[in-house]
Amino acid sequence: MAGKISPSMMCVDFRRLEESVRAMEQAGVEYLHFDIMDGHFVPNFTLGPDFISCVREMTNIPFDYHLMVERPELLLSVFDIRKGDIVTVHQEASIHLQRTLQQIRDMGARPSVALNPATPVYALDEVMDDLELVLIMTVNPGFAGQKLVPSTIRKIAGLKERLRAGGHSHVEIEVDGNVSWDNAAKMRHAGADIFVAGTSSVFRKDEDIQALLAKFRSCIA
């Protein structure tokens, strides 16, 4: 099965928001990725519920919520989470992780946990039965445009093998952070399934989004 694309809405040109959403629809992207940051868990603030509701009115593409916030379980009700959406919380940020994942599943969404570059994959062993995805951060979260942490490619491969060995091959691996065309091909080879595409691949100034998405998709086929 080919890789899936989840363009980062943090990187879109807000002045051309609806035009960009239409282009992503035409390109057949599988998800739209929303980075939600609280200024505490990561040193940045991004996308709030009003912006996300605005995009929701434009499209039926499923949403990919990435909650880079402390105590994410307290914010789940703030967002218009729907059946088929991905909701990712950080292993490092949720005190009662299994309970939070069950809340997400009860909302009809796909429960997912993100791991920062320095967090080992075995940290998820006790909640693997509760997951549909794992998001491997390939940079330290907070800002677009960072360089890839090289060891995270091995981490993707290690997680893939761990999932197979543990009978969890159905759990998808998502990757986020400097997912350039070259890096995406390496991540795909290591076992990644869903790719958060941003400024290094599909949102480049004055370049056609559909053409960039087509090139990106060829890297993860």
N, C-alpha and C. Protein backbone atom coordinates (compact mmCIF):
# COMPACT_ATOMS: atom_id res chain seq x y z
N MET A 1 0.84 -1.19 0.00
CA MET A 1 0.00 0.00 0.00
C MET A 1 0.87 1.25 0.00
N ALA A 2 0.52 2.22 -0.83
CA ALA A 2 1.31 3.45 -0.94
C ALA A 2 1.17 4.30 0.32
N GLY A 3 2.15 5.18 0.52
CA GLY A 3 2.10 6.08 1.65
C GLY A 3 0.98 7.11 1.51
N LYS A 4 0.58 7.68 2.64
CA LYS A 4 -0.48 8.68 2.69
C LYS A 4 0.12 10.04 3.05
N ILE A 5 -0.54 11.10 2.59
CA ILE A 5 -0.05 12.46 2.81
C ILE A 5 -0.98 13.22 3.73
N SER A 6 -0.39 13.92 4.70
CA SER A 6 -1.14 14.77 5.62
C SER A 6 -0.46 16.14 5.65
N PRO A 7 -0.82 17.04 4.73
CA PRO A 7 -0.15 18.34 4.66
C PRO A 7 -0.33 19.15 5.94
N SER A 8 0.75 19.81 6.36
CA SER A 8 0.73 20.60 7.58
C SER A 8 0.07 21.95 7.35
N MET A 9 -1.09 22.16 7.98
CA MET A 9 -1.82 23.41 7.80
C MET A 9 -1.13 24.58 8.49
N MET A 10 -0.17 24.30 9.34
CA MET A 10 0.62 25.38 9.94
C MET A 10 1.47 26.08 8.88
N CYS A 11 1.75 25.38 7.79
CA CYS A 11 2.66 25.88 6.77
C CYS A 11 1.95 26.50 5.57
N VAL A 12 0.62 26.41 5.54
CA VAL A 12 -0.11 26.91 4.39
C VAL A 12 -0.07 28.44 4.37
N ASP A 13 -0.18 29.04 3.20
CA ASP A 13 -0.30 30.49 3.06
C ASP A 13 -1.72 30.87 3.44
N PHE A 14 -1.90 31.48 4.60
CA PHE A 14 -3.24 31.78 5.09
C PHE A 14 -4.00 32.74 4.16
N ARG A 15 -3.28 33.52 3.38
CA ARG A 15 -3.93 34.44 2.44
C ARG A 15 -4.58 33.68 1.29
N ARG A 16 -4.17 32.44 1.07
CA ARG A 16 -4.70 31.62 -0.02
C ARG A 16 -5.28 30.32 0.53
N LEU A 17 -5.87 30.41 1.71
CA LEU A 17 -6.28 29.21 2.43
C LEU A 17 -7.26 28.35 1.63
N GLU A 18 -8.36 28.94 1.19
CA GLU A 18 -9.36 28.13 0.49
C GLU A 18 -8.82 27.59 -0.83
N GLU A 19 -8.06 28.40 -1.53
CA GLU A 19 -7.44 27.94 -2.78
C GLU A 19 -6.53 26.75 -2.52
N SER A 20 -5.77 26.82 -1.44
CA SER A 20 -4.86 25.73 -1.11
C SER A 20 -5.62 24.47 -0.72
N VAL A 21 -6.71 24.62 0.02
CA VAL A 21 -7.51 23.46 0.41
C VAL A 21 -8.09 22.79 -0.84
N ARG A 22 -8.56 23.57 -1.78
CA ARG A 22 -9.10 23.01 -3.02
C ARG A 22 -8.02 22.23 -3.79
N ALA A 23 -6.82 22.79 -3.82
CA ALA A 23 -5.71 22.11 -4.50
C ALA A 23 -5.38 20.79 -3.83
N MET A 24 -5.44 20.76 -2.50
CA MET A 24 -5.15 19.52 -1.78
C MET A 24 -6.26 18.49 -1.99
N GLU A 25 -7.50 18.96 -2.09
CA GLU A 25 -8.59 18.05 -2.42
C GLU A 25 -8.35 17.40 -3.79
N GLN A 26 -8.02 18.23 -4.76
CA GLN A 26 -7.81 17.73 -6.12
C GLN A 26 -6.62 16.77 -6.19
N ALA A 27 -5.64 16.98 -5.32
CA ALA A 27 -4.47 16.10 -5.29
C ALA A 27 -4.76 14.81 -4.53
N GLY A 28 -5.91 14.72 -3.87
CA GLY A 28 -6.29 13.49 -3.19
C GLY A 28 -5.57 13.22 -1.89
N VAL A 29 -5.17 14.28 -1.16
CA VAL A 29 -4.49 14.04 0.12
C VAL A 29 -5.43 13.31 1.07
N GLU A 30 -4.86 12.46 1.90
CA GLU A 30 -5.67 11.62 2.79
C GLU A 30 -6.11 12.34 4.06
N TYR A 31 -5.29 13.26 4.55
CA TYR A 31 -5.59 13.99 5.78
C TYR A 31 -5.11 15.43 5.67
N LEU A 32 -5.61 16.29 6.57
CA LEU A 32 -5.04 17.62 6.79
C LEU A 32 -4.53 17.65 8.23
N HIS A 33 -3.27 18.04 8.39
CA HIS A 33 -2.59 17.96 9.68
C HIS A 33 -2.64 19.32 10.38
N PHE A 34 -3.14 19.32 11.61
CA PHE A 34 -3.26 20.55 12.39
C PHE A 34 -2.37 20.45 13.63
N ASP A 35 -1.35 21.29 13.70
CA ASP A 35 -0.47 21.37 14.86
C ASP A 35 -1.08 22.33 15.87
N ILE A 36 -1.39 21.82 17.04
CA ILE A 36 -2.01 22.62 18.10
C ILE A 36 -1.02 22.72 19.24
N MET A 37 -0.53 23.94 19.50
CA MET A 37 0.54 24.14 20.48
C MET A 37 0.09 25.17 21.52
N ASP A 38 0.49 24.92 22.77
CA ASP A 38 -0.01 25.74 23.88
C ASP A 38 1.01 26.70 24.47
N GLY A 39 2.24 26.72 23.95
CA GLY A 39 3.26 27.60 24.51
C GLY A 39 3.89 27.08 25.79
N HIS A 40 3.47 25.90 26.25
CA HIS A 40 4.04 25.29 27.45
C HIS A 40 4.74 23.98 27.12
N PHE A 41 4.01 23.05 26.53
CA PHE A 41 4.65 21.79 26.14
C PHE A 41 5.70 22.03 25.07
N VAL A 42 5.42 22.96 24.16
CA VAL A 42 6.40 23.42 23.17
C VAL A 42 6.40 24.95 23.18
N PRO A 43 7.53 25.57 22.80
CA PRO A 43 7.64 27.03 22.90
C PRO A 43 7.06 27.75 21.68
N ASN A 44 5.79 27.49 21.40
CA ASN A 44 5.14 28.14 20.27
C ASN A 44 3.63 28.05 20.47
N PHE A 45 2.89 28.92 19.80
CA PHE A 45 1.43 28.87 19.80
C PHE A 45 0.96 28.67 18.37
N THR A 46 0.15 27.67 18.11
CA THR A 46 -0.52 27.52 16.82
C THR A 46 -1.86 26.89 17.05
N LEU A 47 -2.42 26.30 16.12
CA LEU A 47 -3.67 26.58 15.48
C LEU A 47 -4.83 26.33 16.43
N GLY A 48 -5.72 27.32 16.55
CA GLY A 48 -6.82 27.24 17.49
C GLY A 48 -8.10 26.68 16.88
N PRO A 49 -9.12 26.47 17.71
CA PRO A 49 -10.36 25.85 17.25
C PRO A 49 -11.10 26.67 16.21
N ASP A 50 -11.02 28.00 16.26
CA ASP A 50 -11.73 28.81 15.28
C ASP A 50 -11.16 28.61 13.88
N PHE A 51 -9.84 28.58 13.78
CA PHE A 51 -9.21 28.34 12.48
C PHE A 51 -9.59 26.96 11.95
N ILE A 52 -9.54 25.97 12.82
CA ILE A 52 -9.85 24.60 12.40
C ILE A 52 -11.31 24.48 11.97
N SER A 53 -12.22 25.15 12.69
CA SER A 53 -13.63 25.13 12.30
C SER A 53 -13.83 25.78 10.94
N CYS A 54 -13.05 26.83 10.66
CA CYS A 54 -13.13 27.50 9.37
C CYS A 54 -12.75 26.54 8.24
N VAL A 55 -11.67 25.78 8.44
CA VAL A 55 -11.25 24.81 7.43
C VAL A 55 -12.28 23.70 7.31
N ARG A 56 -12.87 23.30 8.42
CA ARG A 56 -13.86 22.23 8.41
C ARG A 56 -15.03 22.57 7.48
N GLU A 57 -15.37 23.85 7.41
CA GLU A 57 -16.47 24.28 6.55
C GLU A 57 -16.11 24.19 5.06
N MET A 58 -14.82 24.09 4.76
CA MET A 58 -14.36 24.10 3.37
C MET A 58 -14.24 22.72 2.75
N THR A 59 -14.11 21.67 3.57
CA THR A 59 -13.70 20.38 3.02
C THR A 59 -14.20 19.21 3.86
N ASN A 60 -14.26 18.05 3.23
CA ASN A 60 -14.58 16.81 3.93
C ASN A 60 -13.36 15.92 4.14
N ILE A 61 -12.17 16.42 3.83
CA ILE A 61 -10.95 15.65 4.09
C ILE A 61 -10.84 15.41 5.60
N PRO A 62 -10.57 14.18 6.03
CA PRO A 62 -10.40 13.94 7.47
C PRO A 62 -9.27 14.77 8.06
N PHE A 63 -9.43 15.13 9.32
CA PHE A 63 -8.45 15.96 10.01
C PHE A 63 -7.49 15.09 10.83
N ASP A 64 -6.28 15.59 10.96
CA ASP A 64 -5.20 14.92 11.67
C ASP A 64 -4.74 15.89 12.76
N TYR A 65 -5.33 15.76 13.96
CA TYR A 65 -5.03 16.67 15.07
C TYR A 65 -3.77 16.21 15.80
N HIS A 66 -2.81 17.12 15.93
CA HIS A 66 -1.58 16.83 16.67
C HIS A 66 -1.53 17.77 17.86
N LEU A 67 -1.88 17.25 19.03
CA LEU A 67 -1.99 18.07 20.24
C LEU A 67 -0.65 18.12 20.97
N MET A 68 0.11 19.17 20.69
CA MET A 68 1.38 19.40 21.38
C MET A 68 1.11 20.32 22.56
N VAL A 69 0.39 19.77 23.53
CA VAL A 69 -0.10 20.54 24.67
C VAL A 69 0.03 19.70 25.93
N GLU A 70 0.10 20.39 27.06
CA GLU A 70 0.05 19.71 28.34
C GLU A 70 -1.39 19.32 28.66
N ARG A 71 -1.59 18.17 29.26
CA ARG A 71 -2.91 17.66 29.64
C ARG A 71 -3.88 17.71 28.46
N PRO A 72 -3.57 17.04 27.35
CA PRO A 72 -4.42 17.11 26.16
C PRO A 72 -5.84 16.63 26.40
N GLU A 73 -6.02 15.75 27.38
CA GLU A 73 -7.36 15.23 27.65
C GLU A 73 -8.35 16.33 28.02
N LEU A 74 -7.84 17.46 28.51
CA LEU A 74 -8.70 18.56 28.91
C LEU A 74 -9.17 19.39 27.73
N LEU A 75 -8.56 19.19 26.56
CA LEU A 75 -8.88 20.00 25.38
C LEU A 75 -9.64 19.24 24.29
N LEU A 76 -9.85 17.97 24.47
CA LEU A 76 -10.48 17.19 23.41
C LEU A 76 -11.85 17.74 23.04
N SER A 77 -12.60 18.20 24.02
CA SER A 77 -13.96 18.68 23.75
C SER A 77 -13.97 20.05 23.07
N VAL A 78 -12.83 20.72 23.02
CA VAL A 78 -12.76 22.06 22.41
C VAL A 78 -12.83 21.98 20.89
N PHE A 79 -12.38 20.86 20.33
CA PHE A 79 -12.27 20.72 18.89
C PHE A 79 -13.39 19.86 18.32
N ASP A 80 -13.71 20.13 17.06
CA ASP A 80 -14.78 19.41 16.37
C ASP A 80 -14.21 18.10 15.81
N ILE A 81 -13.96 17.17 16.72
CA ILE A 81 -13.37 15.89 16.34
C ILE A 81 -14.48 14.99 15.80
N ARG A 82 -14.23 14.38 14.63
CA ARG A 82 -15.25 13.58 13.97
C ARG A 82 -14.74 12.17 13.68
N LYS A 83 -15.66 11.30 13.36
CA LYS A 83 -15.32 9.92 13.05
C LYS A 83 -14.34 9.88 11.89
N GLY A 84 -13.27 9.10 12.05
CA GLY A 84 -12.26 8.97 11.01
C GLY A 84 -11.10 9.93 11.13
N ASP A 85 -11.24 10.97 11.97
CA ASP A 85 -10.11 11.87 12.22
C ASP A 85 -9.02 11.12 13.01
N ILE A 86 -7.79 11.59 12.88
CA ILE A 86 -6.69 11.14 13.74
C ILE A 86 -6.54 12.15 14.87
N VAL A 87 -6.38 11.67 16.09
CA VAL A 87 -6.07 12.55 17.21
C VAL A 87 -4.83 12.01 17.91
N THR A 88 -3.76 12.81 17.86
CA THR A 88 -2.48 12.41 18.43
C THR A 88 -2.18 13.23 19.67
N VAL A 89 -1.83 12.54 20.75
CA VAL A 89 -1.35 13.19 21.97
C VAL A 89 0.07 12.70 22.21
N HIS A 90 0.81 13.45 23.01
CA HIS A 90 2.20 13.08 23.29
C HIS A 90 2.30 12.20 24.52
N GLN A 91 3.11 11.17 24.38
CA GLN A 91 3.36 10.28 25.51
C GLN A 91 3.91 11.07 26.69
N GLU A 92 4.69 12.12 26.38
CA GLU A 92 5.34 12.90 27.43
C GLU A 92 4.39 13.87 28.13
N ALA A 93 3.17 14.06 27.58
CA ALA A 93 2.31 15.15 28.05
C ALA A 93 1.06 14.70 28.78
N SER A 94 0.69 13.43 28.65
CA SER A 94 -0.56 12.95 29.25
C SER A 94 -0.26 12.04 30.43
N ILE A 95 -0.77 12.41 31.59
CA ILE A 95 -0.48 11.64 32.80
C ILE A 95 -1.15 10.27 32.74
N HIS A 96 -2.41 10.26 32.33
CA HIS A 96 -3.18 9.01 32.25
C HIS A 96 -3.39 8.69 30.77
N LEU A 97 -2.35 8.20 30.14
CA LEU A 97 -2.35 8.06 28.69
C LEU A 97 -3.41 7.09 28.19
N GLN A 98 -3.55 5.95 28.82
CA GLN A 98 -4.52 4.97 28.34
C GLN A 98 -5.94 5.52 28.41
N ARG A 99 -6.25 6.25 29.47
CA ARG A 99 -7.58 6.84 29.59
C ARG A 99 -7.83 7.88 28.50
N THR A 100 -6.81 8.65 28.18
CA THR A 100 -6.93 9.66 27.12
C THR A 100 -7.18 9.00 25.77
N LEU A 101 -6.46 7.92 25.49
CA LEU A 101 -6.65 7.21 24.22
C LEU A 101 -8.06 6.63 24.13
N GLN A 102 -8.59 6.15 25.25
CA GLN A 102 -9.95 5.63 25.24
C GLN A 102 -10.96 6.73 24.98
N GLN A 103 -10.71 7.93 25.53
CA GLN A 103 -11.58 9.07 25.26
C GLN A 103 -11.61 9.37 23.76
N ILE A 104 -10.46 9.34 23.13
CA ILE A 104 -10.37 9.61 21.70
C ILE A 104 -11.14 8.56 20.91
N ARG A 105 -10.98 7.31 21.27
CA ARG A 105 -11.70 6.23 20.57
C ARG A 105 -13.21 6.38 20.77
N ASP A 106 -13.63 6.77 21.96
CA ASP A 106 -15.06 6.95 22.24
C ASP A 106 -15.66 8.07 21.40
N MET A 107 -14.82 9.01 20.94
CA MET A 107 -15.28 10.10 20.08
C MET A 107 -15.37 9.67 18.61
N GLY A 108 -14.96 8.44 18.31
CA GLY A 108 -15.00 7.93 16.95
C GLY A 108 -13.75 8.18 16.16
N ALA A 109 -12.74 8.77 16.80
CA ALA A 109 -11.49 9.12 16.11
C ALA A 109 -10.47 8.00 16.26
N ARG A 110 -9.36 8.14 15.54
CA ARG A 110 -8.29 7.16 15.57
C ARG A 110 -7.24 7.57 16.61
N PRO A 111 -7.07 6.82 17.69
CA PRO A 111 -6.13 7.22 18.74
C PRO A 111 -4.68 7.04 18.29
N SER A 112 -3.87 8.04 18.60
CA SER A 112 -2.46 8.03 18.19
C SER A 112 -1.62 8.68 19.29
N VAL A 113 -0.39 8.21 19.41
CA VAL A 113 0.55 8.79 20.36
C VAL A 113 1.81 9.22 19.62
N ALA A 114 2.29 10.41 19.97
CA ALA A 114 3.54 10.93 19.40
C ALA A 114 4.69 10.70 20.37
N LEU A 115 5.86 10.44 19.79
CA LEU A 115 7.10 10.29 20.56
C LEU A 115 8.09 11.32 20.08
N ASN A 116 8.62 12.11 21.03
CA ASN A 116 9.70 13.04 20.70
C ASN A 116 10.97 12.27 20.34
N PRO A 117 11.94 12.91 19.69
CA PRO A 117 13.13 12.18 19.25
C PRO A 117 13.85 11.40 20.35
N ALA A 118 13.86 11.92 21.57
CA ALA A 118 14.61 11.25 22.65
C ALA A 118 13.77 10.24 23.43
N THR A 119 12.49 10.10 23.10
CA THR A 119 11.63 9.16 23.81
C THR A 119 11.67 7.80 23.13
N PRO A 120 12.02 6.74 23.86
CA PRO A 120 12.15 5.41 23.24
C PRO A 120 10.81 4.80 22.87
N VAL A 121 10.81 3.93 21.87
CA VAL A 121 9.56 3.33 21.41
C VAL A 121 8.97 2.40 22.46
N TYR A 122 9.79 1.84 23.35
CA TYR A 122 9.24 0.92 24.35
C TYR A 122 8.34 1.64 25.35
N ALA A 123 8.35 2.97 25.35
CA ALA A 123 7.47 3.74 26.24
C ALA A 123 6.00 3.51 25.92
N LEU A 124 5.72 2.93 24.74
CA LEU A 124 4.34 2.68 24.33
C LEU A 124 3.89 1.24 24.54
N ASP A 125 4.75 0.41 25.07
CA ASP A 125 4.44 -1.02 25.16
C ASP A 125 3.12 -1.29 25.88
N GLU A 126 2.81 -0.54 26.93
CA GLU A 126 1.62 -0.82 27.73
C GLU A 126 0.34 -0.23 27.16
N VAL A 127 0.45 0.55 26.08
CA VAL A 127 -0.78 1.10 25.47
C VAL A 127 -0.90 0.70 24.00
N MET A 128 -0.07 -0.22 23.54
CA MET A 128 -0.08 -0.57 22.13
C MET A 128 -1.44 -1.10 21.67
N ASP A 129 -2.14 -1.80 22.56
CA ASP A 129 -3.46 -2.33 22.19
C ASP A 129 -4.49 -1.22 22.02
N ASP A 130 -4.19 -0.03 22.51
CA ASP A 130 -5.13 1.09 22.45
C ASP A 130 -4.88 2.01 21.25
N LEU A 131 -3.89 1.69 20.42
CA LEU A 131 -3.45 2.60 19.37
C LEU A 131 -3.88 2.15 17.98
N GLU A 132 -4.07 3.14 17.12
CA GLU A 132 -4.18 2.89 15.68
C GLU A 132 -3.00 3.47 14.93
N LEU A 133 -2.32 4.44 15.55
CA LEU A 133 -1.13 5.03 14.93
C LEU A 133 -0.12 5.39 15.99
N VAL A 134 1.14 5.52 15.54
CA VAL A 134 2.21 6.13 16.33
C VAL A 134 2.85 7.20 15.46
N LEU A 135 3.00 8.40 16.02
CA LEU A 135 3.64 9.50 15.31
C LEU A 135 5.07 9.65 15.81
N ILE A 136 6.02 9.42 14.93
CA ILE A 136 7.43 9.61 15.27
C ILE A 136 7.83 11.03 14.90
N MET A 137 8.19 11.83 15.90
CA MET A 137 8.71 13.16 15.63
C MET A 137 10.16 13.03 15.16
N THR A 138 10.42 13.52 13.96
CA THR A 138 11.78 13.43 13.41
C THR A 138 12.55 14.73 13.57
N VAL A 139 11.92 15.69 14.25
CA VAL A 139 12.59 16.88 14.78
C VAL A 139 12.00 17.09 16.18
N ASN A 140 12.60 17.96 16.96
CA ASN A 140 12.00 18.31 18.24
C ASN A 140 10.82 19.25 17.98
N PRO A 141 9.66 18.99 18.57
CA PRO A 141 8.44 19.69 18.18
C PRO A 141 8.46 21.17 18.57
N GLY A 142 7.74 21.97 17.76
CA GLY A 142 7.57 23.38 18.08
C GLY A 142 7.62 24.31 16.90
N PHE A 143 8.52 24.03 15.94
CA PHE A 143 8.71 24.96 14.83
C PHE A 143 8.96 24.20 13.53
N ALA A 144 8.44 24.75 12.44
CA ALA A 144 8.74 24.22 11.11
C ALA A 144 10.14 24.64 10.68
N GLY A 145 10.69 23.92 9.72
CA GLY A 145 11.96 24.31 9.13
C GLY A 145 13.20 23.79 9.83
N GLN A 146 13.05 22.87 10.77
CA GLN A 146 14.21 22.33 11.48
C GLN A 146 14.88 21.21 10.66
N LYS A 147 16.12 20.91 11.05
CA LYS A 147 16.83 19.81 10.40
C LYS A 147 16.41 18.48 11.02
N LEU A 148 16.44 17.46 10.18
CA LEU A 148 16.11 16.11 10.63
C LEU A 148 17.08 15.64 11.71
N VAL A 149 16.54 14.98 12.74
CA VAL A 149 17.38 14.28 13.72
C VAL A 149 17.70 12.92 13.11
N PRO A 150 18.94 12.66 12.69
CA PRO A 150 19.24 11.47 11.87
C PRO A 150 18.85 10.15 12.52
N SER A 151 18.97 10.04 13.83
CA SER A 151 18.69 8.76 14.49
C SER A 151 17.22 8.36 14.38
N THR A 152 16.34 9.30 14.01
CA THR A 152 14.92 8.97 13.95
C THR A 152 14.59 8.04 12.79
N ILE A 153 15.43 7.99 11.77
CA ILE A 153 15.20 7.03 10.68
C ILE A 153 15.33 5.60 11.23
N ARG A 154 16.36 5.37 12.03
CA ARG A 154 16.51 4.05 12.67
C ARG A 154 15.35 3.77 13.62
N LYS A 155 14.88 4.81 14.25
CA LYS A 155 13.76 4.67 15.20
C LYS A 155 12.49 4.19 14.47
N ILE A 156 12.24 4.73 13.27
CA ILE A 156 11.09 4.28 12.47
C ILE A 156 11.21 2.80 12.17
N ALA A 157 12.39 2.40 11.71
CA ALA A 157 12.61 0.99 11.38
C ALA A 157 12.47 0.10 12.61
N GLY A 158 12.98 0.57 13.75
CA GLY A 158 12.87 -0.20 14.98
C GLY A 158 11.44 -0.35 15.44
N LEU A 159 10.65 0.72 15.29
CA LEU A 159 9.25 0.64 15.67
C LEU A 159 8.50 -0.32 14.75
N LYS A 160 8.80 -0.26 13.44
CA LYS A 160 8.13 -1.15 12.50
C LYS A 160 8.36 -2.60 12.87
N GLU A 161 9.58 -2.94 13.20
CA GLU A 161 9.90 -4.31 13.58
C GLU A 161 9.22 -4.68 14.90
N ARG A 162 9.18 -3.74 15.83
CA ARG A 162 8.54 -3.99 17.12
C ARG A 162 7.04 -4.25 16.94
N LEU A 163 6.41 -3.50 16.04
CA LEU A 163 4.99 -3.69 15.77
C LEU A 163 4.73 -5.07 15.17
N ARG A 164 5.56 -5.46 14.23
CA ARG A 164 5.41 -6.79 13.61
C ARG A 164 5.58 -7.89 14.65
N ALA A 165 6.63 -7.78 15.43
CA ALA A 165 6.94 -8.83 16.41
C ALA A 165 5.87 -8.93 17.49
N GLY A 166 5.24 -7.82 17.79
CA GLY A 166 4.24 -7.81 18.86
C GLY A 166 2.82 -8.04 18.39
N GLY A 167 2.64 -8.34 17.10
CA GLY A 167 1.30 -8.58 16.60
C GLY A 167 0.47 -7.34 16.40
N HIS A 168 1.14 -6.21 16.16
CA HIS A 168 0.45 -4.93 15.97
C HIS A 168 0.75 -4.33 14.60
N SER A 169 0.84 -5.17 13.60
CA SER A 169 1.19 -4.69 12.27
C SER A 169 0.14 -3.73 11.69
N HIS A 170 -1.06 -3.74 12.24
CA HIS A 170 -2.12 -2.84 11.76
C HIS A 170 -1.89 -1.40 12.20
N VAL A 171 -1.04 -1.19 13.19
CA VAL A 171 -0.77 0.17 13.68
C VAL A 171 0.09 0.91 12.66
N GLU A 172 -0.38 2.05 12.19
CA GLU A 172 0.35 2.82 11.20
C GLU A 172 1.38 3.72 11.86
N ILE A 173 2.44 4.02 11.11
CA ILE A 173 3.49 4.92 11.57
C ILE A 173 3.39 6.22 10.78
N GLU A 174 3.23 7.31 11.51
CA GLU A 174 3.23 8.65 10.91
C GLU A 174 4.54 9.34 11.25
N VAL A 175 5.02 10.19 10.36
CA VAL A 175 6.27 10.91 10.60
C VAL A 175 6.05 12.40 10.40
N ASP A 176 6.76 13.19 11.21
CA ASP A 176 6.56 14.64 11.21
C ASP A 176 7.89 15.33 11.54
N GLY A 177 8.36 16.16 10.60
CA GLY A 177 9.57 16.93 10.86
C GLY A 177 10.58 16.81 9.74
N ASN A 178 10.76 17.88 8.96
CA ASN A 178 11.68 17.90 7.83
C ASN A 178 11.43 16.72 6.89
N VAL A 179 10.16 16.53 6.54
CA VAL A 179 9.79 15.44 5.64
C VAL A 179 9.95 15.95 4.20
N SER A 180 11.19 16.13 3.81
CA SER A 180 11.52 16.55 2.45
C SER A 180 11.34 15.38 1.50
N TRP A 181 11.48 15.62 0.21
CA TRP A 181 11.35 14.53 -0.76
C TRP A 181 12.38 13.43 -0.47
N ASP A 182 13.65 13.82 -0.27
CA ASP A 182 14.68 12.82 -0.01
C ASP A 182 14.44 12.09 1.31
N ASN A 183 14.13 12.86 2.36
CA ASN A 183 13.91 12.24 3.66
C ASN A 183 12.66 11.36 3.65
N ALA A 184 11.63 11.78 2.92
CA ALA A 184 10.40 10.99 2.85
C ALA A 184 10.67 9.62 2.26
N ALA A 185 11.50 9.56 1.23
CA ALA A 185 11.85 8.27 0.62
C ALA A 185 12.57 7.37 1.63
N LYS A 186 13.46 7.95 2.44
CA LYS A 186 14.16 7.17 3.46
C LYS A 186 13.20 6.70 4.54
N MET A 187 12.29 7.58 4.93
CA MET A 187 11.30 7.23 5.95
C MET A 187 10.37 6.13 5.46
N ARG A 188 9.98 6.22 4.20
CA ARG A 188 9.12 5.19 3.62
C ARG A 188 9.83 3.84 3.61
N HIS A 189 11.09 3.85 3.24
CA HIS A 189 11.88 2.61 3.21
C HIS A 189 11.99 2.03 4.62
N ALA A 190 12.07 2.91 5.63
CA ALA A 190 12.19 2.44 7.01
C ALA A 190 10.88 1.90 7.56
N GLY A 191 9.75 2.27 6.91
CA GLY A 191 8.47 1.71 7.36
C GLY A 191 7.37 2.71 7.64
N ALA A 192 7.57 4.00 7.34
CA ALA A 192 6.54 5.01 7.61
C ALA A 192 5.37 4.85 6.64
N ASP A 193 4.17 5.18 7.13
CA ASP A 193 2.94 5.04 6.35
C ASP A 193 2.28 6.39 6.02
N ILE A 194 2.33 7.34 6.94
CA ILE A 194 1.68 8.64 6.78
C ILE A 194 2.73 9.73 6.97
N PHE A 195 2.70 10.73 6.07
CA PHE A 195 3.78 11.71 6.01
C PHE A 195 3.21 13.12 6.17
N VAL A 196 3.67 13.83 7.20
CA VAL A 196 3.28 15.22 7.40
C VAL A 196 4.19 16.08 6.53
N ALA A 197 3.59 16.67 5.50
CA ALA A 197 4.36 17.42 4.51
C ALA A 197 4.21 18.91 4.75
N GLY A 198 5.34 19.61 4.79
CA GLY A 198 5.31 21.05 5.08
C GLY A 198 6.14 21.86 4.12
N THR A 199 6.90 22.80 4.68
CA THR A 199 7.65 23.76 3.86
C THR A 199 8.80 23.12 3.09
N SER A 200 9.27 21.97 3.53
CA SER A 200 10.39 21.33 2.84
C SER A 200 9.94 20.50 1.64
N SER A 201 8.61 20.42 1.42
CA SER A 201 8.16 19.56 0.33
C SER A 201 6.97 20.10 -0.45
N VAL A 202 5.88 20.48 0.19
CA VAL A 202 4.67 20.81 -0.58
C VAL A 202 4.19 22.24 -0.44
N PHE A 203 4.73 23.00 0.48
CA PHE A 203 4.36 24.42 0.61
C PHE A 203 5.59 25.27 0.36
N ARG A 204 5.84 25.54 -0.91
CA ARG A 204 6.98 26.36 -1.31
C ARG A 204 6.47 27.62 -1.99
N LYS A 205 7.04 28.71 -1.64
CA LYS A 205 6.55 30.02 -2.11
C LYS A 205 6.45 30.06 -3.63
N ASP A 206 5.26 30.47 -4.10
CA ASP A 206 4.99 30.70 -5.52
C ASP A 206 5.11 29.43 -6.38
N GLU A 207 5.08 28.24 -5.75
CA GLU A 207 5.08 27.00 -6.52
C GLU A 207 3.73 26.32 -6.41
N ASP A 208 3.37 25.58 -7.44
CA ASP A 208 2.06 24.95 -7.53
C ASP A 208 1.94 23.79 -6.54
N ILE A 209 0.95 23.86 -5.65
CA ILE A 209 0.80 22.85 -4.61
C ILE A 209 0.51 21.48 -5.20
N GLN A 210 -0.35 21.43 -6.22
CA GLN A 210 -0.69 20.13 -6.80
C GLN A 210 0.52 19.46 -7.43
N ALA A 211 1.34 20.23 -8.11
CA ALA A 211 2.54 19.67 -8.72
C ALA A 211 3.52 19.18 -7.65
N LEU A 212 3.65 19.94 -6.57
CA LEU A 212 4.55 19.54 -5.48
C LEU A 212 4.02 18.28 -4.78
N LEU A 213 2.71 18.21 -4.60
CA LEU A 213 2.12 17.01 -3.99
C LEU A 213 2.32 15.78 -4.87
N ALA A 214 2.21 15.98 -6.18
CA ALA A 214 2.42 14.85 -7.10
C ALA A 214 3.85 14.35 -7.00
N LYS A 215 4.80 15.27 -6.93
CA LYS A 215 6.21 14.86 -6.79
C LYS A 215 6.43 14.16 -5.46
N PHE A 216 5.82 14.72 -4.41
CA PHE A 216 5.97 14.10 -3.09
C PHE A 216 5.40 12.69 -3.07
N ARG A 217 4.24 12.51 -3.68
CA ARG A 217 3.61 11.19 -3.68
C ARG A 217 4.49 10.16 -4.39
N SER A 218 5.20 10.59 -5.42
CA SER A 218 6.08 9.66 -6.12
C SER A 218 7.23 9.19 -5.23
N CYS A 219 7.58 9.99 -4.21
CA CYS A 219 8.67 9.62 -3.29
C CYS A 219 8.24 8.59 -2.25
N ILE A 220 6.92 8.46 -2.05
CA ILE A 220 6.44 7.57 -0.99
C ILE A 220 5.58 6.45 -1.54
N ALA A 221 5.66 6.23 -2.86
CA ALA A 221 4.86 5.18 -3.48
C ALA A 221 5.28 3.79 -2.96
